[in-house]
PDB file of N, CA and C in Angstrom:
ATOM      1  N   MET A   1      -1.704  33.317 -10.220  1.00  0.00           N
ATOM      2  CA  MET A   1      -1.123  32.040 -10.934  1.00  0.00           C
ATOM      3  C   MET A   1      -1.811  30.133 -10.139  1.00  0.00           C
ATOM      4  N   THR A   2      -2.801  29.871 -10.449  1.00  0.00           N
ATOM      5  CA  THR A   2      -3.317  28.647  -9.735  1.00  0.00           C
ATOM      6  C   THR A   2      -2.741  27.205 -10.304  1.00  0.00           C
ATOM      7  N   GLU A   3      -1.899  27.172 -10.031  1.00  0.00           N
ATOM      8  CA  GLU A   3      -0.695  26.247 -10.308  1.00  0.00           C
ATOM      9  C   GLU A   3      -1.479  24.940  -9.301  1.00  0.00           C
ATOM     10  N   ALA A   4      -1.450  23.663  -9.776  1.00  0.00           N
ATOM     11  CA  ALA A   4      -1.819  22.370  -9.430  1.00  0.00           C
ATOM     12  C   ALA A   4      -0.626  22.219  -7.892  1.00  0.00           C
ATOM     13  N   LYS A   5      -0.498  21.824  -7.175  1.00  0.00           N
ATOM     14  CA  LYS A   5       0.293  21.587  -6.434  1.00  0.00           C
ATOM     15  C   LYS A   5       0.348  20.486  -6.365  1.00  0.00           C
ATOM     16  N   GLN A   6       1.498  19.656  -6.551  1.00  0.00           N
ATOM     17  CA  GLN A   6       2.097  18.218  -6.768  1.00  0.00           C
ATOM     18  C   GLN A   6       2.086  17.744  -5.112  1.00  0.00           C
ATOM     19  N   SER A   7       1.504  16.595  -4.982  1.00  0.00           N
ATOM     20  CA  SER A   7       1.785  16.398  -3.370  1.00  0.00           C
ATOM     21  C   SER A   7       2.802  15.688  -2.992  1.00  0.00           C
ATOM     22  N   LEU A   8       3.727  16.115  -1.876  1.00  0.00           N
ATOM     23  CA  LEU A   8       4.736  15.374  -0.992  1.00  0.00           C
ATOM     24  C   LEU A   8       4.872  13.773  -0.843  1.00  0.00           C
ATOM     25  N   LYS A   9       3.468  13.366  -0.670  1.00  0.00           N
ATOM     26  CA  LYS A   9       2.986  12.504   0.086  1.00  0.00           C
ATOM     27  C   LYS A   9       3.377  11.475  -0.856  1.00  0.00           C
ATOM     28  N   ARG A  10       4.139   9.677  -0.488  1.00  0.00           N
ATOM     29  CA  ARG A  10       4.171   9.143  -1.288  1.00  0.00           C
ATOM     30  C   ARG A  10       3.006   7.924  -1.269  1.00  0.00           C
ATOM     31  N   THR A  11       2.936   7.786  -2.856  1.00  0.00           N
ATOM     32  CA  THR A  11       2.035   6.620  -2.772  1.00  0.00           C
ATOM     33  C   THR A  11       2.258   5.255  -3.449  1.00  0.00           C
ATOM     34  N   LEU A  12       1.837   4.105  -2.865  1.00  0.00           N
ATOM     35  CA  LEU A  12       2.654   2.310  -3.299  1.00  0.00           C
ATOM     36  C   LEU A  12       0.962   1.755  -3.660  1.00  0.00           C
ATOM     37  N   ILE A  13       1.251   0.883  -4.840  1.00  0.00           N
ATOM     38  CA  ILE A  13       0.117   0.743  -5.079  1.00  0.00           C
ATOM     39  C   ILE A  13       0.749  -1.369  -4.597  1.00  0.00           C
ATOM     40  N   GLY A  14      -0.303  -2.275  -4.082  1.00  0.00           N
ATOM     41  CA  GLY A  14      -0.052  -3.517  -3.537  1.00  0.00           C
ATOM     42  C   GLY A  14      -1.067  -4.099  -3.591  1.00  0.00           C
ATOM     43  N   LYS A  15      -0.778  -5.456  -2.909  1.00  0.00           N
ATOM     44  CA  LYS A  15      -1.537  -6.488  -2.446  1.00  0.00           C
ATOM     45  C   LYS A  15      -2.094  -6.527  -0.790  1.00  0.00           C
ATOM     46  N   VAL A  16      -3.412  -6.471  -0.792  1.00  0.00           N
ATOM     47  CA  VAL A  16      -4.313  -6.759   0.696  1.00  0.00           C
ATOM     48  C   VAL A  16      -3.797  -8.217   0.952  1.00  0.00           C
ATOM     49  N   VAL A  17      -2.775  -8.511   2.169  1.00  0.00           N
ATOM     50  CA  VAL A  17      -3.024  -9.572   2.475  1.00  0.00           C
ATOM     51  C   VAL A  17      -3.667  -9.966   3.395  1.00  0.00           C
ATOM     52  N   SER A  18      -4.368  -9.230   4.495  1.00  0.00           N
ATOM     53  CA  SER A  18      -4.816  -9.525   5.486  1.00  0.00           C
ATOM     54  C   SER A  18      -5.510  -8.314   5.987  1.00  0.00           C
ATOM     55  N   ASP A  19      -7.028  -9.018   6.443  1.00  0.00           N
ATOM     56  CA  ASP A  19      -8.271  -7.546   6.633  1.00  0.00           C
ATOM     57  C   ASP A  19      -8.618  -8.017   8.254  1.00  0.00           C
ATOM     58  N   LYS A  20      -7.704  -8.804   8.809  1.00  0.00           N
ATOM     59  CA  LYS A  20      -8.645  -9.248   9.982  1.00  0.00           C
ATOM     60  C   LYS A  20      -8.836  -8.515  11.639  1.00  0.00           C
ATOM     61  N   ARG A  21      -7.753  -7.219  11.221  1.00  0.00           N
ATOM     62  CA  ARG A  21      -7.829  -6.099  11.923  1.00  0.00           C
ATOM     63  C   ARG A  21      -8.846  -5.369  11.999  1.00  0.00           C
ATOM     64  N   THR A  22      -9.749  -4.584  12.678  1.00  0.00           N
ATOM     65  CA  THR A  22     -10.470  -3.493  12.564  1.00  0.00           C
ATOM     66  C   THR A  22     -10.081  -1.865  12.238  1.00  0.00           C
ATOM     67  N   LYS A  23     -10.201  -1.352  10.508  1.00  0.00           N
ATOM     68  CA  LYS A  23     -10.248  -0.655  10.438  1.00  0.00           C
ATOM     69  C   LYS A  23      -8.277  -0.220   9.322  1.00  0.00           C
ATOM     70  N   THR A  24      -8.297  -1.590   9.915  1.00  0.00           N
ATOM     71  CA  THR A  24      -6.878  -1.706   8.868  1.00  0.00           C
ATOM     72  C   THR A  24      -6.727  -3.009   8.064  1.00  0.00           C
ATOM     73  N   VAL A  25      -6.078  -2.829   7.252  1.00  0.00           N
ATOM     74  CA  VAL A  25      -5.292  -3.438   5.839  1.00  0.00           C
ATOM     75  C   VAL A  25      -4.459  -4.021   6.040  1.00  0.00           C
ATOM     76  N   THR A  26      -3.340  -4.907   6.011  1.00  0.00           N
ATOM     77  CA  THR A  26      -1.924  -5.011   5.827  1.00  0.00           C
ATOM     78  C   THR A  26      -1.587  -5.534   4.414  1.00  0.00           C
ATOM     79  N   VAL A  27      -0.934  -4.576   3.649  1.00  0.00           N
ATOM     80  CA  VAL A  27      -0.886  -4.277   2.108  1.00  0.00           C
ATOM     81  C   VAL A  27       0.792  -4.823   2.211  1.00  0.00           C
ATOM     82  N   LEU A  28       1.242  -5.691   1.106  1.00  0.00           N
ATOM     83  CA  LEU A  28       2.505  -6.122   0.898  1.00  0.00           C
ATOM     84  C   LEU A  28       2.311  -5.724  -0.708  1.00  0.00           C
ATOM     85  N   ILE A  29       3.995  -4.623  -0.794  1.00  0.00           N
ATOM     86  CA  ILE A  29       4.226  -4.198  -1.604  1.00  0.00           C
ATOM     87  C   ILE A  29       5.285  -4.772  -2.213  1.00  0.00           C
ATOM     88  N   GLU A  30       5.578  -5.370  -3.755  1.00  0.00           N
ATOM     89  CA  GLU A  30       6.534  -6.018  -4.178  1.00  0.00           C
ATOM     90  C   GLU A  30       7.134  -4.880  -5.241  1.00  0.00           C
ATOM     91  N   ARG A  31       8.793  -5.294  -5.149  1.00  0.00           N
ATOM     92  CA  ARG A  31       8.999  -4.400  -5.882  1.00  0.00           C
ATOM     93  C   ARG A  31      10.324  -4.923  -6.304  1.00  0.00           C
ATOM     94  N   ARG A  32      11.147  -4.412  -7.887  1.00  0.00           N
ATOM     95  CA  ARG A  32      12.223  -5.062  -8.374  1.00  0.00           C
ATOM     96  C   ARG A  32      13.434  -4.299  -8.408  1.00  0.00           C
ATOM     97  N   VAL A  33      14.096  -4.969  -7.621  1.00  0.00           N
ATOM     98  CA  VAL A  33      15.458  -4.018  -7.839  1.00  0.00           C
ATOM     99  C   VAL A  33      16.757  -5.081  -8.033  1.00  0.00           C
ATOM    100  N   LYS A  34      18.032  -3.910  -8.930  1.00  0.00           N
ATOM    101  CA  LYS A  34      19.073  -4.337  -9.166  1.00  0.00           C
ATOM    102  C   LYS A  34      20.177  -4.803  -7.758  1.00  0.00           C
ATOM    103  N   HIS A  35      20.362  -5.837  -8.125  1.00  0.00           N
ATOM    104  CA  HIS A  35      21.750  -6.007  -6.742  1.00  0.00           C
ATOM    105  C   HIS A  35      22.762  -5.208  -6.730  1.00  0.00           C
ATOM    106  N   ALA A  36      23.031  -4.408  -6.119  1.00  0.00           N
ATOM    107  CA  ALA A  36      24.265  -3.403  -5.876  1.00  0.00           C
ATOM    108  C   ALA A  36      25.755  -4.062  -6.335  1.00  0.00           C
ATOM    109  N   LEU A  37      26.082  -5.306  -6.014  1.00  0.00           N
ATOM    110  CA  LEU A  37      27.257  -6.084  -6.344  1.00  0.00           C
ATOM    111  C   LEU A  37      27.239  -6.768  -8.122  1.00  0.00           C
ATOM    112  N   TYR A  38      26.086  -7.886  -7.664  1.00  0.00           N
ATOM    113  CA  TYR A  38      26.055  -8.838  -8.491  1.00  0.00           C
ATOM    114  C   TYR A  38      25.029  -8.370  -9.919  1.00  0.00           C
ATOM    115  N   GLY A  39      24.260  -7.164  -9.773  1.00  0.00           N
ATOM    116  CA  GLY A  39      23.780  -7.133 -10.780  1.00  0.00           C
ATOM    117  C   GLY A  39      22.643  -7.319 -11.252  1.00  0.00           C
ATOM    118  N   LYS A  40      22.030  -8.356 -10.721  1.00  0.00           N
ATOM    119  CA  LYS A  40      20.774  -9.502 -11.125  1.00  0.00           C
ATOM    120  C   LYS A  40      19.557  -8.814 -10.382  1.00  0.00           C
ATOM    121  N   ILE A  41      19.144  -8.331 -11.161  1.00  0.00           N
ATOM    122  CA  ILE A  41      17.303  -8.489 -10.907  1.00  0.00           C
ATOM    123  C   ILE A  41      16.809  -9.202  -9.768  1.00  0.00           C
ATOM    124  N   VAL A  42      16.483  -8.606  -8.032  1.00  0.00           N
ATOM    125  CA  VAL A  42      15.976  -9.824  -7.377  1.00  0.00           C
ATOM    126  C   VAL A  42      14.663  -8.542  -6.660  1.00  0.00           C
ATOM    127  N   GLY A  43      13.753  -9.737  -6.182  1.00  0.00           N
ATOM    128  CA  GLY A  43      12.378  -8.967  -5.894  1.00  0.00           C
ATOM    129  C   GLY A  43      12.624  -8.707  -4.181  1.00  0.00           C
ATOM    130  N   LYS A  44      11.808  -7.405  -4.431  1.00  0.00           N
ATOM    131  CA  LYS A  44      12.118  -7.417  -2.648  1.00  0.00           C
ATOM    132  C   LYS A  44      10.716  -7.190  -2.485  1.00  0.00           C
ATOM    133  N   SER A  45      10.395  -7.355  -1.075  1.00  0.00           N
ATOM    134  CA  SER A  45       8.641  -6.764  -0.431  1.00  0.00           C
ATOM    135  C   SER A  45       8.975  -6.322   0.784  1.00  0.00           C
ATOM    136  N   SER A  46       7.965  -5.552   1.269  1.00  0.00           N
ATOM    137  CA  SER A  46       7.642  -4.883   2.352  1.00  0.00           C
ATOM    138  C   SER A  46       6.189  -4.960   2.599  1.00  0.00           C
ATOM    139  N   LYS A  47       5.839  -5.036   3.617  1.00  0.00           N
ATOM    140  CA  LYS A  47       3.942  -5.042   4.164  1.00  0.00           C
ATOM    141  C   LYS A  47       4.630  -3.235   5.260  1.00  0.00           C
ATOM    142  N   TYR A  48       3.312  -2.926   4.770  1.00  0.00           N
ATOM    143  CA  TYR A  48       2.623  -1.900   5.289  1.00  0.00           C
ATOM    144  C   TYR A  48       0.949  -1.813   6.031  1.00  0.00           C
ATOM    145  N   HIS A  49       0.564  -1.039   7.326  1.00  0.00           N
ATOM    146  CA  HIS A  49      -0.125  -1.681   7.964  1.00  0.00           C
ATOM    147  C   HIS A  49      -0.699   0.033   7.184  1.00  0.00           C
ATOM    148  N   ALA A  50      -2.144  -0.203   6.914  1.00  0.00           N
ATOM    149  CA  ALA A  50      -2.768   0.992   6.004  1.00  0.00           C
ATOM    150  C   ALA A  50      -4.133   1.356   6.391  1.00  0.00           C
ATOM    151  N   HIS A  51      -4.456   2.334   6.834  1.00  0.00           N
ATOM    152  CA  HIS A  51      -5.656   3.099   7.546  1.00  0.00           C
ATOM    153  C   HIS A  51      -6.880   2.671   6.478  1.00  0.00           C
ATOM    154  N   ASP A  52      -7.742   1.864   7.253  1.00  0.00           N
ATOM    155  CA  ASP A  52      -9.359   1.359   6.060  1.00  0.00           C
ATOM    156  C   ASP A  52     -10.622   1.805   7.047  1.00  0.00           C
ATOM    157  N   GLU A  53     -10.555   3.065   6.954  1.00  0.00           N
ATOM    158  CA  GLU A  53     -12.168   3.619   7.657  1.00  0.00           C
ATOM    159  C   GLU A  53     -13.367   2.885   7.158  1.00  0.00           C
ATOM    160  N   LYS A  54     -14.019   2.616   6.433  1.00  0.00           N
ATOM    161  CA  LYS A  54     -15.090   1.808   5.944  1.00  0.00           C
ATOM    162  C   LYS A  54     -14.443   0.394   6.257  1.00  0.00           C
ATOM    163  N   GLY A  55     -13.643   0.312   6.620  1.00  0.00           N
ATOM    164  CA  GLY A  55     -13.387  -1.737   6.232  1.00  0.00           C
ATOM    165  C   GLY A  55     -13.989  -2.884   4.663  1.00  0.00           C
ATOM    166  N   GLU A  56     -13.132  -1.202   3.511  1.00  0.00           N
ATOM    167  CA  GLU A  56     -14.397  -1.556   2.419  1.00  0.00           C
ATOM    168  C   GLU A  56     -12.906  -2.760   1.376  1.00  0.00           C
ATOM    169  N   PHE A  57     -11.695  -2.702   1.858  1.00  0.00           N
ATOM    170  CA  PHE A  57     -10.784  -3.790   1.171  1.00  0.00           C
ATOM    171  C   PHE A  57     -10.696  -5.141   1.899  1.00  0.00           C
ATOM    172  N   LYS A  58     -10.785  -5.836   1.021  1.00  0.00           N
ATOM    173  CA  LYS A  58     -10.867  -6.853   1.338  1.00  0.00           C
ATOM    174  C   LYS A  58      -9.541  -7.617   0.679  1.00  0.00           C
ATOM    175  N   MET A  59      -8.960  -8.864   1.502  1.00  0.00           N
ATOM    176  CA  MET A  59      -7.894  -9.339   0.882  1.00  0.00           C
ATOM    177  C   MET A  59      -7.997 -10.102  -0.354  1.00  0.00           C
ATOM    178  N   GLY A  60      -6.689  -9.588  -0.942  1.00  0.00           N
ATOM    179  CA  GLY A  60      -6.547 -10.118  -2.338  1.00  0.00           C
ATOM    180  C   GLY A  60      -7.006  -9.086  -3.216  1.00  0.00           C
ATOM    181  N   ASP A  61      -6.949  -8.031  -2.489  1.00  0.00           N
ATOM    182  CA  ASP A  61      -7.370  -6.408  -3.434  1.00  0.00           C
ATOM    183  C   ASP A  61      -6.059  -6.170  -3.716  1.00  0.00           C
ATOM    184  N   MET A  62      -6.182  -5.717  -4.889  1.00  0.00           N
ATOM    185  CA  MET A  62      -4.940  -4.585  -5.414  1.00  0.00           C
ATOM    186  C   MET A  62      -5.400  -3.059  -4.997  1.00  0.00           C
ATOM    187  N   ILE A  63      -4.801  -2.510  -4.185  1.00  0.00           N
ATOM    188  CA  ILE A  63      -5.205  -0.905  -3.690  1.00  0.00           C
ATOM    189  C   ILE A  63      -3.742  -0.196  -3.408  1.00  0.00           C
ATOM    190  N   GLU A  64      -4.108   0.775  -4.151  1.00  0.00           N
ATOM    191  CA  GLU A  64      -3.117   1.940  -3.745  1.00  0.00           C
ATOM    192  C   GLU A  64      -2.831   2.985  -2.256  1.00  0.00           C
ATOM    193  N   ILE A  65      -2.068   2.884  -1.577  1.00  0.00           N
ATOM    194  CA  ILE A  65      -1.860   3.639  -0.266  1.00  0.00           C
ATOM    195  C   ILE A  65      -1.099   4.698  -0.094  1.00  0.00           C
ATOM    196  N   THR A  66      -1.633   5.982   0.785  1.00  0.00           N
ATOM    197  CA  THR A  66      -0.766   6.799   0.588  1.00  0.00           C
ATOM    198  C   THR A  66       0.021   7.324   2.313  1.00  0.00           C
ATOM    199  N   GLU A  67       1.233   8.257   1.798  1.00  0.00           N
ATOM    200  CA  GLU A  67       1.782   8.108   3.045  1.00  0.00           C
ATOM    201  C   GLU A  67       0.557   8.802   4.207  1.00  0.00           C
ATOM    202  N   SER A  68       0.694   9.455   5.033  1.00  0.00           N
ATOM    203  CA  SER A  68      -0.383  10.226   6.064  1.00  0.00           C
ATOM    204  C   SER A  68       0.455  10.636   7.175  1.00  0.00           C
ATOM    205  N   ARG A  69       0.106  10.870   8.627  1.00  0.00           N
ATOM    206  CA  ARG A  69       0.382  11.088  10.028  1.00  0.00           C
ATOM    207  C   ARG A  69       0.653   9.820  10.182  1.00  0.00           C
ATOM    208  N   PRO A  70       1.274   9.310  11.473  1.00  0.00           N
ATOM    209  CA  PRO A  70       0.895   8.180  12.429  1.00  0.00           C
ATOM    210  C   PRO A  70      -0.306   8.007  12.884  1.00  0.00           C
ATOM    211  N   ILE A  71      -1.249   7.155  12.495  1.00  0.00           N
ATOM    212  CA  ILE A  71      -2.660   7.102  13.230  1.00  0.00           C
ATOM    213  C   ILE A  71      -2.345   5.659  14.271  1.00  0.00           C
ATOM    214  N   SER A  72      -1.326   5.075  14.639  1.00  0.00           N
ATOM    215  CA  SER A  72      -0.669   3.969  15.746  1.00  0.00           C
ATOM    216  C   SER A  72       0.335   4.185  15.530  1.00  0.00           C
ATOM    217  N   LYS A  73       0.965   2.994  16.242  1.00  0.00           N
ATOM    218  CA  LYS A  73       2.235   2.765  16.673  1.00  0.00           C
ATOM    219  C   LYS A  73       2.921   2.564  15.357  1.00  0.00           C
ATOM    220  N   THR A  74       2.259   0.816  14.338  1.00  0.00           N
ATOM    221  CA  THR A  74       2.584   0.810  12.971  1.00  0.00           C
ATOM    222  C   THR A  74       1.995   1.484  12.081  1.00  0.00           C
ATOM    223  N   LYS A  75       0.913   1.911  11.959  1.00  0.00           N
ATOM    224  CA  LYS A  75       0.385   2.376  11.178  1.00  0.00           C
ATOM    225  C   LYS A  75       0.290   3.970  10.435  1.00  0.00           C
ATOM    226  N   ASN A  76       1.077   4.219   9.594  1.00  0.00           N
ATOM    227  CA  ASN A  76       1.529   5.436   9.189  1.00  0.00           C
ATOM    228  C   ASN A  76       1.171   6.062   7.375  1.00  0.00           C
ATOM    229  N   TRP A  77       0.019   4.948   7.013  1.00  0.00           N
ATOM    230  CA  TRP A  77      -0.504   5.021   5.661  1.00  0.00           C
ATOM    231  C   TRP A  77      -2.036   5.089   5.576  1.00  0.00           C
ATOM    232  N   VAL A  78      -2.799   5.328   4.561  1.00  0.00           N
ATOM    233  CA  VAL A  78      -4.175   5.272   4.264  1.00  0.00           C
ATOM    234  C   VAL A  78      -4.195   4.477   2.513  1.00  0.00           C
ATOM    235  N   ALA A  79      -5.344   3.951   3.021  1.00  0.00           N
ATOM    236  CA  ALA A  79      -5.576   2.925   1.965  1.00  0.00           C
ATOM    237  C   ALA A  79      -6.506   4.304   1.236  1.00  0.00           C
ATOM    238  N   THR A  80      -6.086   4.526  -0.289  1.00  0.00           N
ATOM    239  CA  THR A  80      -6.757   5.767  -1.422  1.00  0.00           C
ATOM    240  C   THR A  80      -7.909   4.964  -2.030  1.00  0.00           C
ATOM    241  N   ARG A  81      -7.725   3.891  -2.750  1.00  0.00           N
ATOM    242  CA  ARG A  81      -8.424   4.032  -3.879  1.00  0.00           C
ATOM    243  C   ARG A  81      -8.232   2.453  -4.356  1.00  0.00           C
ATOM    244  N   LEU A  82      -9.301   1.546  -4.654  1.00  0.00           N
ATOM    245  CA  LEU A  82      -9.224  -0.088  -5.494  1.00  0.00           C
ATOM    246  C   LEU A  82      -8.766  -0.029  -6.717  1.00  0.00           C
ATOM    247  N   VAL A  83      -7.064  -0.732  -6.712  1.00  0.00           N
ATOM    248  CA  VAL A  83      -7.242  -0.341  -8.477  1.00  0.00           C
ATOM    249  C   VAL A  83      -7.569  -2.226  -9.032  1.00  0.00           C
ATOM    250  N   GLU A  84      -7.773  -2.715  -8.088  1.00  0.00           N
ATOM    251  CA  GLU A  84      -7.985  -4.294  -8.654  1.00  0.00           C
ATOM    252  C   GLU A  84      -8.942  -4.722  -7.984  1.00  0.00           C
ATOM    253  N   LYS A  85     -10.129  -5.538  -8.210  1.00  0.00           N
ATOM    254  CA  LYS A  85     -10.932  -6.378  -7.091  1.00  0.00           C
ATOM    255  C   LYS A  85     -10.270  -7.862  -7.148  1.00  0.00           C
ATOM    256  N   ALA A  86     -10.487  -8.316  -6.166  1.00  0.00           N
ATOM    257  CA  ALA A  86      -9.479  -9.681  -5.754  1.00  0.00           C
ATOM    258  C   ALA A  86     -10.805 -10.610  -6.642  1.00  0.00           C
ATOM    259  N   ALA A  87      -9.852 -11.306  -7.377  1.00  0.00           N
ATOM    260  CA  ALA A  87     -10.559 -12.468  -8.254  1.00  0.00           C
ATOM    261  C   ALA A  87     -11.469 -13.232  -7.720  1.00  0.00           C
ATOM    262  N   ALA A  88     -12.598 -13.856  -7.555  1.00  0.00           N
ATOM    263  CA  ALA A  88     -13.584 -14.394  -7.405  1.00  0.00           C
ATOM    264  C   ALA A  88     -12.905 -16.148  -7.402  1.00  0.00           C
ATOM    265  N   VAL A  89     -12.904 -16.906  -6.547  1.00  0.00           N
ATOM    266  CA  VAL A  89     -12.593 -18.175  -6.509  1.00  0.00           C
ATOM    267  C   VAL A  89     -13.745 -19.157  -6.800  1.00  0.00           C
TER     268      VAL A  89
END
């Protein structure tokens, strides 16, 4: 049987908030979760450094990042694809 093996790597979609570093983008992931005690929906956010080999992603872009092996001290995600281009001002 040739079944498609599902990847165990996590993927997240977020907004590029910094592209100043070489081959690295900082991605802001926002999610909405229910508060454990009060039950109110609250917004939580996390920033991840993702590897961008070609430097193709710019500030404001919505991109998908995938978990990978550690690339540096703070970088263990890889930018995989562009979801939505940043709106031109």
